[in-house]
């Protein structure tokens, strides 16, 4: 560990910047809750923005001076520049940008989980010492091709197993791990699982780095196709030899082995029968969802490798590479000519046609005949007295909306704060006339220039005649009269 490397790490590494941030505890807690506790690999922008907004409101109730900026500001700050605690990108499953934890944030969460061990409350010294001894023994036995040493080890194991079988058959007391040892070993399993999830993110970033390097060499035409291909294959081989790559390949071996999956599910199902682990609810839930969560991580890595394979396929396609080489050659000729003419530029006259009318005969619509109407015979409609009574009864059952009371409800709730969401309004003033009253509040928001953003959809629960139902509504924030009249609450962001 060198001083220069430590100084560089703490001044430039995003992981160190996260740990040293002014309000790092609050930031780390939010990211851990949203991506680890909720087991979200990716989260859409609108969802993460709303959750961060609610999180900030909860903090400001007791700590108004902490994280005082808007939610959008922090999401932008955490995913750009030198911070890079979140990765923001677009995918094919969402119409908006999504967020994902970066390897730097994964490292911080892994480090703090191991240090605090908050879910299990202790450090498993006994089980870890046992695992160290067992691992060293396995290295000594299986790390050498000494036949006699291997046979001696196997004979000793055979003797130990036969002695244990005889002991159980004779009715002796079954020896088990202590309660502490069981919890310690379970803590080690959870720690290893968290480390494995971080390994996948590192593998994904490594494949992305290889893809970027290949694309850069391809676009700059600085090397031959053979050399670029060799670089990509060598980099991929090195990656597979690293710890993260080995973990990734081992996981795929497990994923494609039905026998191992069946054995693992059988083992996991038996955890609920162990009373020593009754308090480890979160840990057991993480173990039960292990295959599913790791499969999602592996799917992300596969998508990255497919992009790398697609890049290499285009590189090896002669029909694609020939125009690329020709284009690169022409660009170099243009650049050389520009350098020669830089001191004595020629006089050039260029005429630009900014308006050009084009006619495409295929855009002309087909001929259609005139609209014909069916003849309707006019007859006198006989009135049904029963139907008339039913209609009058439905009319009498309609409840009149009291618009003044609805506006008074909004004004009363905005007396002590400047903003109030639509969900907060419905929670404070539950609609007594069902869905019509809820719609009336939306109409008031439009008519009286409150903040309505139709590009974002919120989910609200409203009591109807069929029970509580979920409805999609635009993002609505009711503003106080002072805020609506100020320039800061102008109509530039309202629809």
Protein backbone atom coordinates (compact mmCIF):
# COMPACT_ATOMS: atom_id res chain seq x y z
CA UNK A 1 0.00 0.00 0.00
CA UNK A 2 1.73 3.16 -1.24
CA UNK A 3 1.03 6.75 -0.16
CA UNK A 4 0.78 8.08 -3.74
CA UNK A 5 -1.77 5.45 -4.66
CA UNK A 6 -3.82 6.24 -1.55
CA UNK A 7 -3.81 9.96 -2.33
CA UNK A 8 -4.88 9.29 -5.91
CA UNK A 9 -7.60 6.88 -4.80
CA UNK A 10 -9.20 9.24 -2.28
CA UNK A 11 -9.07 12.20 -4.68
CA UNK A 12 -10.29 10.56 -7.90
CA UNK A 13 -12.05 7.25 -7.21
CA UNK A 14 -15.90 7.49 -7.21
CA UNK A 15 -16.10 4.92 -4.39
CA UNK A 16 -13.96 7.12 -2.15
CA UNK A 17 -15.97 10.20 -3.17
CA UNK A 18 -19.17 8.44 -2.09
CA UNK A 19 -17.72 7.54 1.30
CA UNK A 20 -16.38 11.07 1.78
CA UNK A 21 -19.50 12.90 0.57
CA UNK A 22 -21.02 15.45 2.96
CA UNK A 23 -24.22 13.45 3.43
CA UNK A 24 -22.88 10.06 2.39
CA UNK A 25 -24.89 8.12 4.98
CA UNK A 26 -28.18 9.44 3.60
CA UNK A 27 -27.17 8.83 -0.02
CA UNK A 28 -25.88 5.30 0.63
CA UNK A 29 -28.99 4.39 2.62
CA UNK A 30 -31.30 5.54 -0.19
CA UNK A 31 -29.36 3.65 -2.88
CA UNK A 32 -29.21 0.52 -0.73
CA UNK A 33 -32.95 0.61 -0.04
CA UNK A 34 -33.95 1.19 -3.67
CA UNK A 35 -31.62 -1.25 -5.40
CA UNK A 36 -30.70 -3.89 -2.80
CA UNK A 37 -33.59 -4.19 -0.38
CA UNK A 38 -36.11 -3.83 -3.23
CA UNK A 39 -33.92 -6.14 -5.38
CA UNK A 40 -34.14 -3.79 -8.38
CA UNK A 41 -31.45 -4.21 -10.99
CA UNK A 42 -32.73 -1.14 -12.86
CA UNK A 43 -35.25 1.56 -11.91
CA UNK A 44 -37.06 3.97 -14.32
CA UNK A 45 -36.38 7.69 -13.91
CA UNK A 46 -39.93 8.65 -12.88
CA UNK A 47 -40.06 5.93 -10.21
CA UNK A 48 -36.66 6.74 -8.72
CA UNK A 49 -37.41 10.48 -8.86
CA UNK A 50 -40.69 10.07 -6.95
CA UNK A 51 -39.10 7.79 -4.34
CA UNK A 52 -36.19 10.18 -3.84
CA UNK A 53 -38.63 13.08 -3.50
CA UNK A 54 -40.55 11.25 -0.77
CA UNK A 55 -37.28 10.27 0.90
CA UNK A 56 -36.12 13.92 0.97
CA UNK A 57 -39.47 15.02 2.42
CA UNK A 58 -39.11 12.48 5.22
CA UNK A 59 -35.58 13.71 5.98
CA UNK A 60 -36.61 17.37 5.98
CA UNK A 61 -39.26 16.75 8.63
CA UNK A 62 -36.48 16.34 11.19
CA UNK A 63 -33.35 17.57 9.34
CA UNK A 64 -34.37 20.49 7.06
CA UNK A 65 -30.74 21.48 6.31
CA UNK A 66 -29.73 18.11 4.81
CA UNK A 67 -29.95 17.46 1.03
CA UNK A 68 -31.85 20.66 0.32
CA UNK A 69 -31.80 20.43 -3.52
CA UNK A 70 -34.54 18.94 -5.70
CA UNK A 71 -34.64 15.21 -6.51
CA UNK A 72 -33.78 15.83 -10.19
CA UNK A 73 -30.62 17.67 -9.19
CA UNK A 74 -29.32 14.75 -7.13
CA UNK A 75 -30.14 12.14 -9.78
CA UNK A 76 -28.22 14.17 -12.34
CA UNK A 77 -25.33 14.79 -9.94
CA UNK A 78 -25.06 11.12 -8.95
CA UNK A 79 -24.94 9.89 -12.56
CA UNK A 80 -22.67 12.44 -14.31
CA UNK A 81 -19.21 13.97 -14.02
CA UNK A 82 -16.71 12.47 -11.64
CA UNK A 83 -19.35 11.09 -9.28
CA UNK A 84 -20.70 8.14 -11.29
CA UNK A 85 -22.55 6.44 -8.43
CA UNK A 86 -25.45 5.67 -10.78
CA UNK A 87 -25.47 4.74 -14.45
CA UNK A 88 -28.24 6.41 -16.46
CA UNK A 89 -29.13 4.99 -19.87
CA UNK A 90 -32.00 3.95 -22.15
CA UNK A 91 -33.12 0.40 -22.84
CA UNK A 92 -35.77 -1.26 -24.99
CA UNK A 93 -38.15 -2.05 -22.11
CA UNK A 94 -38.86 1.53 -21.01
CA UNK A 95 -39.91 4.75 -22.71
CA UNK A 96 -37.71 6.75 -20.34
CA UNK A 97 -34.20 6.56 -18.98
CA UNK A 98 -33.39 4.00 -16.27
CA UNK A 99 -30.79 3.88 -13.49
CA UNK A 100 -28.43 1.14 -12.39
CA UNK A 101 -25.79 0.97 -9.66
CA UNK A 102 -22.22 1.30 -10.93
CA UNK A 103 -19.39 -1.03 -9.80
CA UNK A 104 -18.06 1.84 -7.64
CA UNK A 105 -21.31 1.95 -5.64
CA UNK A 106 -21.45 -1.84 -5.47
CA UNK A 107 -17.99 -1.83 -3.88
CA UNK A 108 -19.09 0.69 -1.25
CA UNK A 109 -22.24 -1.27 -0.38
CA UNK A 110 -20.26 -4.50 -0.17
CA UNK A 111 -17.60 -2.86 2.03
CA UNK A 112 -20.11 -1.30 4.43
CA UNK A 113 -22.20 -4.50 4.62
CA UNK A 114 -19.14 -6.46 5.68
CA UNK A 115 -18.04 -3.78 8.17
CA UNK A 116 -21.38 -3.12 9.82
CA UNK A 117 -22.85 -6.60 9.43
CA UNK A 118 -26.07 -4.85 10.41
CA UNK A 119 -28.46 -7.66 9.48
CA UNK A 120 -26.73 -10.38 11.51
CA UNK A 121 -25.15 -8.43 14.34
CA UNK A 122 -21.83 -10.28 14.79
CA UNK A 123 -18.56 -11.28 13.12
CA UNK A 124 -18.27 -15.02 12.47
CA UNK A 125 -14.74 -15.64 13.76
CA UNK A 126 -15.16 -19.34 14.58
CA UNK A 127 -16.75 -20.32 11.25
CA UNK A 128 -14.28 -18.24 9.27
CA UNK A 129 -11.32 -19.83 11.05
CA UNK A 130 -12.79 -23.26 10.29
CA UNK A 131 -13.28 -22.31 6.65
CA UNK A 132 -9.68 -21.02 6.47
CA UNK A 133 -8.36 -24.31 7.83
CA UNK A 134 -10.57 -26.36 5.48
CA UNK A 135 -9.55 -24.24 2.49
CA UNK A 136 -5.84 -24.54 3.32
CA UNK A 137 -6.23 -28.28 3.74
CA UNK A 138 -7.99 -28.53 0.37
CA UNK A 139 -5.20 -26.49 -1.25
CA UNK A 140 -2.54 -28.78 0.16
CA UNK A 141 -4.38 -31.96 -0.86
CA UNK A 142 -5.80 -30.96 -4.26
CA UNK A 143 -3.08 -28.48 -5.19
CA UNK A 144 -0.53 -31.23 -5.80
CA UNK A 145 -0.37 -34.34 -7.96
CA UNK A 146 1.23 -36.41 -5.14
CA UNK A 147 -0.67 -39.69 -5.45
CA UNK A 148 0.28 -41.01 -2.00
CA UNK A 149 -0.78 -37.81 -0.26
CA UNK A 150 -4.17 -37.91 -2.02
CA UNK A 151 -4.72 -41.58 -1.10
CA UNK A 152 -3.76 -40.92 2.51
CA UNK A 153 -6.31 -38.09 2.68
CA UNK A 154 -9.09 -40.18 1.11
CA UNK A 155 -8.43 -43.13 3.46
CA UNK A 156 -8.62 -40.80 6.45
CA UNK A 157 -11.91 -39.35 5.19
CA UNK A 158 -13.29 -42.85 4.57
CA UNK A 159 -12.36 -43.89 8.11
CA UNK A 160 -13.99 -40.76 9.58
CA UNK A 161 -17.21 -41.28 7.59
CA UNK A 162 -17.46 -44.97 8.53
CA UNK A 163 -16.95 -44.11 12.20
CA UNK A 164 -19.72 -41.49 12.06
CA UNK A 165 -22.10 -43.97 10.34
CA UNK A 166 -21.43 -46.61 13.01
CA UNK A 167 -21.97 -44.02 15.74
CA UNK A 168 -25.35 -43.01 14.33
CA UNK A 169 -26.44 -46.61 13.78
CA UNK A 170 -25.59 -47.48 17.36
CA UNK A 171 -27.89 -44.73 18.67
CA UNK A 172 -25.27 -42.23 19.86
CA UNK A 173 -26.21 -38.54 20.15
CA UNK A 174 -26.02 -36.72 16.80
CA UNK A 175 -23.35 -34.02 16.93
CA UNK A 176 -24.42 -30.70 15.37
CA UNK A 177 -23.10 -27.19 14.96
CA UNK A 178 -23.75 -24.81 17.81
CA UNK A 179 -26.33 -22.06 17.36
CA UNK A 180 -23.54 -19.51 17.05
CA UNK A 181 -21.72 -21.57 14.44
CA UNK A 182 -24.92 -21.95 12.39
CA UNK A 183 -25.55 -18.19 12.37
CA UNK A 184 -21.89 -17.51 11.60
CA UNK A 185 -21.89 -19.82 8.58
CA UNK A 186 -25.17 -18.33 7.38
CA UNK A 187 -23.61 -14.86 7.63
CA UNK A 188 -20.69 -16.05 5.50
CA UNK A 189 -23.14 -17.31 2.87
CA UNK A 190 -24.91 -13.93 2.71
CA UNK A 191 -21.56 -12.13 2.46
CA UNK A 192 -20.42 -14.42 -0.37
CA UNK A 193 -23.71 -13.88 -2.20
CA UNK A 194 -23.32 -10.09 -2.01
CA UNK A 195 -19.77 -10.41 -3.31
CA UNK A 196 -20.98 -12.60 -6.19
CA UNK A 197 -23.53 -9.98 -7.23
CA UNK A 198 -20.78 -7.37 -7.28
CA UNK A 199 -18.66 -9.67 -9.46
CA UNK A 200 -21.33 -9.67 -12.17
CA UNK A 201 -21.34 -5.88 -12.32
CA UNK A 202 -17.55 -5.90 -12.68
CA UNK A 203 -17.78 -8.47 -15.52
CA UNK A 204 -20.37 -6.30 -17.29
CA UNK A 205 -18.16 -3.22 -17.05
CA UNK A 206 -15.16 -5.19 -18.33
CA UNK A 207 -17.06 -6.34 -21.42
CA UNK A 208 -18.24 -2.77 -22.01
CA UNK A 209 -14.65 -1.55 -21.81
CA UNK A 210 -13.57 -4.14 -24.39
CA UNK A 211 -16.45 -3.13 -26.69
CA UNK A 212 -15.55 0.58 -26.40
CA UNK A 213 -11.91 -0.11 -27.22
CA UNK A 214 -12.86 -2.22 -30.25
CA UNK A 215 -15.27 0.43 -31.51
CA UNK A 216 -12.64 3.14 -31.02
CA UNK A 217 -9.99 1.24 -33.00
CA UNK A 218 -12.56 0.44 -35.67
CA UNK A 219 -13.80 4.03 -36.06
CA UNK A 220 -10.29 5.50 -36.12
CA UNK A 221 -9.05 2.82 -38.55
CA UNK A 222 -5.75 2.75 -36.67
CA UNK A 223 -5.22 -1.00 -36.99
CA UNK A 224 -6.06 -3.94 -39.23
CA UNK A 225 -9.13 -6.06 -38.72
CA UNK A 226 -7.01 -9.02 -37.66
CA UNK A 227 -5.20 -7.06 -34.97
CA UNK A 228 -8.46 -5.57 -33.63
CA UNK A 229 -10.03 -9.03 -33.50
CA UNK A 230 -6.97 -10.43 -31.76
CA UNK A 231 -7.10 -7.62 -29.19
CA UNK A 232 -10.77 -8.35 -28.42
CA UNK A 233 -10.24 -12.11 -28.10
CA UNK A 234 -7.15 -11.70 -25.91
CA UNK A 235 -9.00 -9.25 -23.65
CA UNK A 236 -11.94 -11.64 -23.35
CA UNK A 237 -9.61 -14.53 -22.47
CA UNK A 238 -7.93 -12.43 -19.78
CA UNK A 239 -11.33 -11.51 -18.40
CA UNK A 240 -12.38 -15.17 -18.15
CA UNK A 241 -9.23 -15.91 -16.16
CA UNK A 242 -9.99 -13.18 -13.60
CA UNK A 243 -11.96 -13.89 -10.41
CA UNK A 244 -15.09 -12.13 -11.67
CA UNK A 245 -15.03 -14.00 -14.97
CA UNK A 246 -14.52 -17.32 -13.22
CA UNK A 247 -17.48 -16.59 -10.95
CA UNK A 248 -19.58 -15.71 -13.98
CA UNK A 249 -18.72 -18.94 -15.83
CA UNK A 250 -19.27 -21.04 -12.71
CA UNK A 251 -22.69 -19.49 -12.25
CA UNK A 252 -23.66 -20.36 -15.82
CA UNK A 253 -22.58 -23.94 -15.19
CA UNK A 254 -24.96 -23.98 -12.21
CA UNK A 255 -27.71 -22.27 -14.18
CA UNK A 256 -27.62 -24.91 -16.93
CA UNK A 257 -27.38 -27.85 -14.50
CA UNK A 258 -30.86 -28.96 -13.48
CA UNK A 259 -29.42 -31.44 -10.98
CA UNK A 260 -27.52 -28.76 -9.09
CA UNK A 261 -30.52 -26.44 -9.13
CA UNK A 262 -32.75 -29.16 -7.71
CA UNK A 263 -30.22 -29.87 -4.96
CA UNK A 264 -29.93 -26.16 -4.15
CA UNK A 265 -33.73 -25.70 -3.95
CA UNK A 266 -33.97 -28.71 -1.64
CA UNK A 267 -31.28 -27.27 0.65
CA UNK A 268 -32.88 -23.81 0.70
CA UNK A 269 -36.30 -25.27 1.58
CA UNK A 270 -34.77 -26.85 4.69
CA UNK A 271 -33.54 -23.50 6.06
CA UNK A 272 -37.04 -22.70 7.37
CA UNK A 273 -36.85 -25.81 9.58
CA UNK A 274 -33.82 -24.47 11.49
CA UNK A 275 -34.92 -22.55 14.58
CA UNK A 276 -31.47 -20.93 14.87
CA UNK A 277 -32.26 -18.92 11.71
CA UNK A 278 -35.78 -17.78 12.68
CA UNK A 279 -34.59 -14.19 13.12
CA UNK A 280 -32.73 -14.12 9.78
CA UNK A 281 -35.82 -13.19 7.75
CA UNK A 282 -34.07 -10.81 5.37
CA UNK A 283 -31.14 -13.18 4.85
CA UNK A 284 -33.39 -16.16 4.06
CA UNK A 285 -35.43 -14.06 1.65
CA UNK A 286 -32.23 -13.07 -0.16
CA UNK A 287 -31.14 -16.71 -0.37
CA UNK A 288 -34.53 -17.85 -1.72
CA UNK A 289 -34.38 -15.23 -4.48
CA UNK A 290 -30.72 -15.92 -5.22
CA UNK A 291 -31.14 -17.73 -8.56
CA UNK A 292 -33.63 -15.15 -9.86
CA UNK A 293 -31.55 -12.10 -8.90
CA UNK A 294 -28.31 -13.60 -10.23
CA UNK A 295 -30.09 -14.58 -13.45
CA UNK A 296 -31.05 -10.93 -13.98
CA UNK A 297 -27.43 -9.91 -13.41
CA UNK A 298 -26.26 -12.58 -15.88
CA UNK A 299 -28.80 -11.40 -18.44
CA UNK A 300 -27.27 -7.93 -18.32
CA UNK A 301 -23.82 -9.40 -18.97
CA UNK A 302 -25.18 -11.42 -21.90
CA UNK A 303 -26.61 -8.28 -23.47
CA UNK A 304 -23.19 -6.64 -23.23
CA UNK A 305 -21.44 -9.64 -24.79
CA UNK A 306 -24.00 -9.64 -27.62
CA UNK A 307 -23.09 -6.01 -28.37
CA UNK A 308 -19.41 -7.00 -28.44
CA UNK A 309 -20.16 -9.91 -30.78
CA UNK A 310 -22.20 -7.62 -33.03
CA UNK A 311 -19.30 -5.17 -33.19
CA UNK A 312 -16.87 -7.95 -34.12
CA UNK A 313 -19.29 -9.29 -36.74
CA UNK A 314 -19.48 -5.89 -38.42
CA UNK A 315 -15.71 -5.66 -38.24
CA UNK A 316 -15.24 -9.00 -40.02
CA UNK A 317 -17.88 -8.28 -42.67
CA UNK A 318 -15.89 -7.26 -45.75
CA UNK A 319 -18.88 -5.56 -47.35
CA UNK A 320 -19.18 -3.31 -44.31
CA UNK A 321 -15.47 -2.76 -43.75
CA UNK A 322 -14.65 -1.83 -47.37
CA UNK A 323 -16.82 1.33 -47.37
CA UNK A 324 -15.45 2.16 -43.93
CA UNK A 325 -11.87 1.98 -45.17
CA UNK A 326 -12.75 3.99 -48.29
CA UNK A 327 -14.50 6.63 -46.19
CA UNK A 328 -11.54 6.85 -43.80
CA UNK A 329 -9.21 7.29 -46.79
CA UNK A 330 -11.36 10.08 -48.24
CA UNK A 331 -11.49 11.85 -44.89
CA UNK A 332 -7.70 11.72 -44.62
CA UNK A 333 -7.39 13.17 -48.14
CA UNK A 334 -9.78 15.98 -47.24
CA UNK A 335 -7.84 16.65 -44.05
CA UNK A 336 -4.52 16.78 -45.96
CA UNK A 337 -6.00 19.14 -48.57
CA UNK A 338 -7.35 21.40 -45.84
CA UNK A 339 -3.92 21.60 -44.24
CA UNK A 340 -2.30 22.57 -47.56
CA UNK A 341 -4.88 25.29 -48.22
CA UNK A 342 -4.96 26.60 -44.65
CA UNK A 343 -2.63 29.55 -45.36
CA UNK A 344 -4.13 30.47 -48.78
CA UNK A 345 -7.77 29.39 -48.73
CA UNK A 346 -9.51 29.54 -52.13
CA UNK A 347 -12.60 31.61 -52.72
CA UNK A 348 -15.57 29.34 -52.73
CA UNK A 349 -19.13 30.09 -53.73
CA UNK A 350 -21.82 27.75 -52.51
CA UNK A 351 -25.48 27.91 -53.40
CA UNK A 352 -27.79 26.20 -50.94
CA UNK A 353 -31.32 25.21 -51.88
CA UNK A 354 -33.12 25.68 -48.61
CA UNK A 355 -36.57 25.05 -50.06
CA UNK A 356 -37.05 22.20 -52.47
CA UNK A 357 -40.48 20.91 -53.45
CA UNK A 358 -40.60 17.18 -54.09
CA UNK A 359 -43.62 15.31 -55.34
CA UNK A 360 -44.11 11.62 -54.80
CA UNK A 361 -46.94 10.12 -56.80
CA UNK A 362 -47.29 7.27 -54.30
CA UNK A 363 -48.45 9.75 -51.66
CA UNK A 364 -51.56 10.62 -53.67
CA UNK A 365 -54.66 9.06 -52.05
CA UNK A 366 -56.86 6.60 -53.90
CA UNK A 367 -60.19 7.75 -55.28
CA UNK A 368 -63.13 7.20 -52.99
CA UNK A 369 -66.79 7.41 -53.86
CA UNK A 370 -69.18 9.76 -52.09
CA UNK A 371 -70.56 8.73 -48.71
CA UNK A 372 -73.93 7.01 -48.94
CA UNK A 373 -76.44 7.10 -46.10
CA UNK A 374 -78.97 4.40 -45.36
CA UNK A 375 -82.60 5.45 -45.49
CA UNK A 376 -84.25 5.41 -42.07
CA UNK A 377 -87.99 5.18 -41.73
CA UNK A 378 -89.27 7.78 -39.26
CA UNK A 379 -91.83 6.43 -36.77
CA UNK A 380 -93.40 7.68 -33.59
CA UNK A 381 -91.56 6.44 -30.51
CA UNK A 382 -93.84 4.99 -27.87
CA UNK A 383 -92.88 6.05 -24.34
CA UNK A 384 -92.30 3.30 -21.79
CA UNK A 385 -93.51 4.53 -18.41
CA UNK A 386 -91.31 2.07 -16.49
CA UNK A 387 -88.23 3.20 -18.38
CA UNK A 388 -89.10 6.85 -17.74
CA UNK A 389 -89.34 6.20 -14.00
CA UNK A 390 -85.97 4.41 -14.00
CA UNK A 391 -84.34 7.34 -15.79
CA UNK A 392 -85.81 9.87 -13.37
CA UNK A 393 -84.68 7.72 -10.45
CA UNK A 394 -81.08 7.64 -11.79
CA UNK A 395 -81.24 11.40 -12.29
CA UNK A 396 -82.38 11.87 -8.70
CA UNK A 397 -79.52 9.72 -7.43
CA UNK A 398 -76.89 11.91 -9.08
CA UNK A 399 -75.00 13.98 -6.54
CA UNK A 400 -74.14 17.56 -7.29
CA UNK A 401 -70.45 18.47 -7.07
CA UNK A 402 -69.81 21.34 -4.70
CA UNK A 403 -66.94 23.08 -6.50
CA UNK A 404 -66.63 25.74 -3.80
CA UNK A 405 -66.08 23.12 -1.11
CA UNK A 406 -63.48 21.34 -3.25
CA UNK A 407 -61.54 24.57 -3.79
CA UNK A 408 -61.86 25.31 -0.07
CA UNK A 409 -60.35 21.92 0.75
CA UNK A 410 -57.32 22.70 -1.43
CA UNK A 411 -56.88 26.19 0.03
CA UNK A 412 -57.15 24.91 3.61
CA UNK A 413 -54.47 22.24 3.08
CA UNK A 414 -52.12 24.79 1.43
CA UNK A 415 -52.28 27.24 4.33
CA UNK A 416 -49.15 25.87 6.00
CA UNK A 417 -47.14 24.61 3.01
CA UNK A 418 -46.51 25.71 -0.57
CA UNK A 419 -46.89 22.36 -2.33
CA UNK A 420 -49.12 19.32 -2.02
CA UNK A 421 -49.31 16.26 -4.26
CA UNK A 422 -52.54 14.85 -5.61
CA UNK A 423 -52.11 11.70 -3.52
CA UNK A 424 -51.73 13.78 -0.35
CA UNK A 425 -54.91 15.68 -1.19
CA UNK A 426 -56.93 12.49 -1.70
CA UNK A 427 -55.56 11.05 1.54
CA UNK A 428 -56.54 14.17 3.51
CA UNK A 429 -59.90 14.70 1.76
CA UNK A 430 -61.23 11.31 0.78
CA UNK A 431 -63.76 11.69 -2.10
CA UNK A 432 -67.32 11.21 -0.90
CA UNK A 433 -68.77 11.19 -4.43
CA UNK A 434 -66.42 8.57 -5.83
CA UNK A 435 -64.50 8.96 -9.04
CA UNK A 436 -66.35 12.12 -10.15
CA UNK A 437 -65.06 14.09 -7.16
CA UNK A 438 -61.52 12.84 -7.80
CA UNK A 439 -61.80 13.98 -11.43
CA UNK A 440 -63.09 17.36 -10.25
CA UNK A 441 -59.85 17.95 -8.33
CA UNK A 442 -57.92 17.26 -11.55
CA UNK A 443 -60.11 19.77 -13.42
CA UNK A 444 -59.42 22.39 -10.74
CA UNK A 445 -55.69 21.76 -11.08
CA UNK A 446 -55.93 22.48 -14.83
CA UNK A 447 -58.23 25.50 -14.52
CA UNK A 448 -56.37 27.27 -11.72
CA UNK A 449 -52.85 26.86 -13.08
CA UNK A 450 -51.49 24.29 -10.62
CA UNK A 451 -48.48 22.17 -11.60
CA UNK A 452 -49.66 19.40 -13.99
CA UNK A 453 -47.07 17.30 -15.82
CA UNK A 454 -48.72 14.90 -18.26
CA UNK A 455 -45.38 13.35 -19.22
CA UNK A 456 -45.20 11.59 -15.83
CA UNK A 457 -47.82 9.10 -14.66
CA UNK A 458 -48.68 8.50 -10.99
CA UNK A 459 -50.82 5.71 -9.52
CA UNK A 460 -53.57 6.63 -7.01
CA UNK A 461 -56.13 4.46 -5.20
CA UNK A 462 -59.74 5.72 -5.20
CA UNK A 463 -62.78 4.20 -3.52
CA UNK A 464 -65.46 3.38 -6.13
CA UNK A 465 -68.70 1.43 -6.10
CA UNK A 466 -66.64 -1.66 -6.96
CA UNK A 467 -64.20 -1.13 -4.07
CA UNK A 468 -60.74 0.47 -4.08
CA UNK A 469 -59.19 0.65 -7.55
CA UNK A 470 -55.90 1.95 -8.98
CA UNK A 471 -56.00 4.77 -11.53
CA UNK A 472 -53.24 6.34 -13.65
CA UNK A 473 -53.24 10.14 -13.46
CA UNK A 474 -50.74 12.80 -14.58
CA UNK A 475 -48.28 14.15 -12.04
CA UNK A 476 -50.22 16.88 -10.16
CA UNK A 477 -48.80 19.20 -7.53
CA UNK A 478 -51.16 21.77 -6.02
CA UNK A 479 -49.43 25.11 -5.39
CA UNK A 480 -50.24 27.86 -2.95
CA UNK A 481 -51.61 31.11 -4.35
CA UNK A 482 -48.38 32.91 -3.48
CA UNK A 483 -46.30 30.36 -5.36
CA UNK A 484 -48.58 30.39 -8.40
CA UNK A 485 -48.33 34.18 -8.62
CA UNK A 486 -44.55 34.21 -8.35
CA UNK A 487 -42.25 33.95 -11.31
CA UNK A 488 -40.70 30.74 -9.99
CA UNK A 489 -44.00 28.94 -10.51
CA UNK A 490 -44.52 30.26 -14.03
CA UNK A 491 -46.35 28.24 -16.68
CA UNK A 492 -43.22 27.15 -18.50
CA UNK A 493 -43.37 23.62 -17.13
CA UNK A 494 -47.13 23.18 -17.07
CA UNK A 495 -49.29 21.45 -19.59
